[in-house]
Amino acid sequence: MSGPREQDEATLDQLDIIRYFAALILVLGLLGGFAVLARRAGWTGALPALDRWSPQARKRRLSVTETLILDPRRKVVIVRVDDTEHVLLLGGEREQVLERGPAPAEPVFEPVAPDHDEAEDDDTQIASVTRLGGGQ
């Protein structure tokens, strides 16, 4: 038979489980809040993943431009450091610099005006396109 003592123990067990989950949620919330504060304050020395979205991270000096796998053990990598590109052979027992030179300038994309064509001036072409797209 279940007496009042067993019911009290069951109620205490349920309360303990609720307390454990509440404590877990509190601790995870505190850790998340600290991570947000650390990111905003710039304390990302030990946590580089938090620095991913900062303005300083967008101005990286090092980038991998291209990679070519030669065989399962070796690959060629083009690495850009500041204004210099390095062609590296990686793998095997050692790494080797194959070539070093100035990096090509970053492409600048500017809007270009469309070419003016005499066919565009023809009213019949515009009318026929309007008629076809107009849905009669």
Protein backbone atom coordinates (compact mmCIF):
# COMPACT_ATOMS: atom_id res chain seq x y z
CA MET A 1 0.00 0.00 0.00
CA SER A 2 1.09 3.45 -0.69
CA GLY A 3 1.00 5.68 2.28
CA PRO A 4 1.40 9.42 2.69
CA ARG A 5 5.16 9.01 3.03
CA GLU A 6 5.53 7.49 -0.47
CA GLN A 7 3.37 10.23 -2.00
CA ASP A 8 5.55 12.86 -0.33
CA GLU A 9 8.69 11.21 -1.79
CA ALA A 10 7.15 11.16 -5.28
CA THR A 11 6.25 14.84 -4.98
CA LEU A 12 9.78 15.65 -3.80
CA ASP A 13 11.27 13.74 -6.75
CA GLN A 14 9.14 15.77 -9.18
CA LEU A 15 10.15 19.01 -7.48
CA ASP A 16 13.82 17.98 -7.66
CA ILE A 17 13.54 17.31 -11.40
CA ILE A 18 11.89 20.70 -11.94
CA ARG A 19 14.64 22.38 -9.91
CA TYR A 20 17.37 20.63 -11.92
CA PHE A 21 15.89 21.76 -15.23
CA ALA A 22 15.38 25.30 -13.92
CA ALA A 23 19.02 25.40 -12.78
CA LEU A 24 20.17 24.09 -16.18
CA ILE A 25 18.17 26.76 -18.02
CA LEU A 26 19.56 29.44 -15.69
CA VAL A 27 23.18 28.34 -16.24
CA LEU A 28 22.78 28.13 -20.03
CA GLY A 29 21.16 31.58 -20.05
CA LEU A 30 24.04 33.04 -18.05
CA LEU A 31 26.60 31.48 -20.42
CA GLY A 32 24.77 32.84 -23.46
CA GLY A 33 24.50 36.29 -21.90
CA PHE A 34 28.20 36.30 -21.09
CA ALA A 35 29.02 35.30 -24.68
CA VAL A 36 26.95 38.20 -26.03
CA LEU A 37 28.59 40.66 -23.63
CA ALA A 38 32.05 39.34 -24.48
CA ARG A 39 31.39 39.76 -28.20
CA ARG A 40 30.14 43.32 -27.78
CA ALA A 41 33.02 44.26 -25.48
CA GLY A 42 35.60 42.76 -27.85
CA TRP A 43 36.83 40.06 -25.44
CA THR A 44 37.27 37.44 -28.13
CA GLY A 45 40.92 36.48 -27.64
CA ALA A 46 40.11 33.02 -26.33
CA LEU A 47 36.92 32.72 -28.38
CA PRO A 48 37.77 33.49 -32.04
CA ALA A 49 34.40 32.23 -33.25
CA LEU A 50 32.74 35.20 -31.55
CA ASP A 51 34.94 37.57 -33.56
CA ARG A 52 33.52 36.41 -36.89
CA TRP A 53 31.07 39.29 -37.29
CA SER A 54 33.14 42.14 -35.92
CA PRO A 55 34.31 44.90 -38.29
CA GLN A 56 37.95 43.97 -37.70
CA ALA A 57 37.32 40.40 -38.85
CA ARG A 58 36.08 41.64 -42.21
CA LYS A 59 39.48 43.23 -42.91
CA ARG A 60 41.45 39.99 -42.97
CA ARG A 61 45.02 40.00 -44.15
CA LEU A 62 45.12 36.31 -45.05
CA SER A 63 42.85 34.46 -47.47
CA VAL A 64 42.97 31.27 -49.50
CA THR A 65 42.27 32.23 -53.10
CA GLU A 66 42.27 28.80 -54.72
CA THR A 67 43.06 25.16 -53.98
CA LEU A 68 43.95 22.36 -56.39
CA ILE A 69 44.30 18.75 -55.22
CA LEU A 70 47.07 16.99 -57.11
CA ASP A 71 46.81 13.55 -55.50
CA PRO A 72 45.65 12.14 -52.14
CA ARG A 73 48.78 13.44 -50.39
CA ARG A 74 49.54 16.75 -52.14
CA LYS A 75 47.73 19.93 -53.09
CA VAL A 76 48.60 23.37 -54.44
CA VAL A 77 47.17 26.39 -52.64
CA ILE A 78 47.20 30.05 -53.63
CA VAL A 79 47.30 32.17 -50.49
CA ARG A 80 46.91 35.95 -50.47
CA VAL A 81 48.67 37.86 -47.68
CA ASP A 82 48.17 41.64 -47.80
CA ASP A 83 49.14 42.51 -51.40
CA THR A 84 51.19 39.37 -52.12
CA GLU A 85 50.11 36.00 -53.44
CA HIS A 86 52.00 32.83 -52.55
CA VAL A 87 51.67 29.55 -54.45
CA LEU A 88 52.29 26.73 -51.96
CA LEU A 89 52.75 23.00 -52.49
CA LEU A 90 51.40 21.23 -49.41
CA GLY A 91 51.69 17.57 -48.48
CA GLY A 92 54.18 14.79 -48.33
CA GLU A 93 56.96 15.43 -45.85
CA ARG A 94 57.23 19.18 -46.38
CA GLU A 95 55.58 22.34 -47.62
CA GLN A 96 57.20 24.35 -50.38
CA VAL A 97 56.73 27.87 -51.76
CA LEU A 98 56.52 27.53 -55.53
CA GLU A 99 56.02 31.17 -56.42
CA ARG A 100 55.66 34.52 -54.70
CA GLY A 101 54.47 37.69 -56.37
CA PRO A 102 52.23 40.73 -56.17
CA ALA A 103 48.54 39.97 -56.00
CA PRO A 104 46.37 41.16 -58.85
CA ALA A 105 44.18 44.13 -58.05
CA GLU A 106 40.72 43.41 -56.73
CA PRO A 107 38.16 43.72 -59.52
CA VAL A 108 36.00 46.82 -59.29
CA PHE A 109 32.48 46.36 -60.53
CA GLU A 110 30.87 49.50 -61.86
CA PRO A 111 27.49 49.82 -63.54
CA VAL A 112 27.73 49.99 -67.29
CA ALA A 113 25.21 51.76 -69.49
CA PRO A 114 23.62 49.42 -72.05
CA ASP A 115 24.70 49.78 -75.65
CA HIS A 116 22.31 51.80 -77.76
CA ASP A 117 21.15 49.78 -80.75
CA GLU A 118 19.16 51.01 -83.74
CA ALA A 119 16.87 47.99 -83.47
CA GLU A 120 15.66 49.27 -80.11
CA ASP A 121 14.39 52.44 -81.80
CA ASP A 122 12.08 50.46 -84.06
CA ASP A 123 8.51 50.96 -82.77
CA THR A 124 7.23 47.81 -84.46
CA GLN A 125 9.48 45.58 -82.36
CA ILE A 126 8.35 47.24 -79.15
CA ALA A 127 4.71 47.00 -80.22
CA SER A 128 5.03 43.31 -81.07
CA VAL A 129 6.64 42.56 -77.72
CA THR A 130 3.91 44.51 -75.97
CA ARG A 131 1.24 42.65 -77.94
CA LEU A 132 2.75 39.24 -77.12
CA GLY A 133 3.26 40.03 -73.44
CA GLY A 134 -0.02 41.92 -73.03
CA GLY A 135 -2.22 38.84 -72.93
CA GLN A 136 -4.70 40.08 -75.65
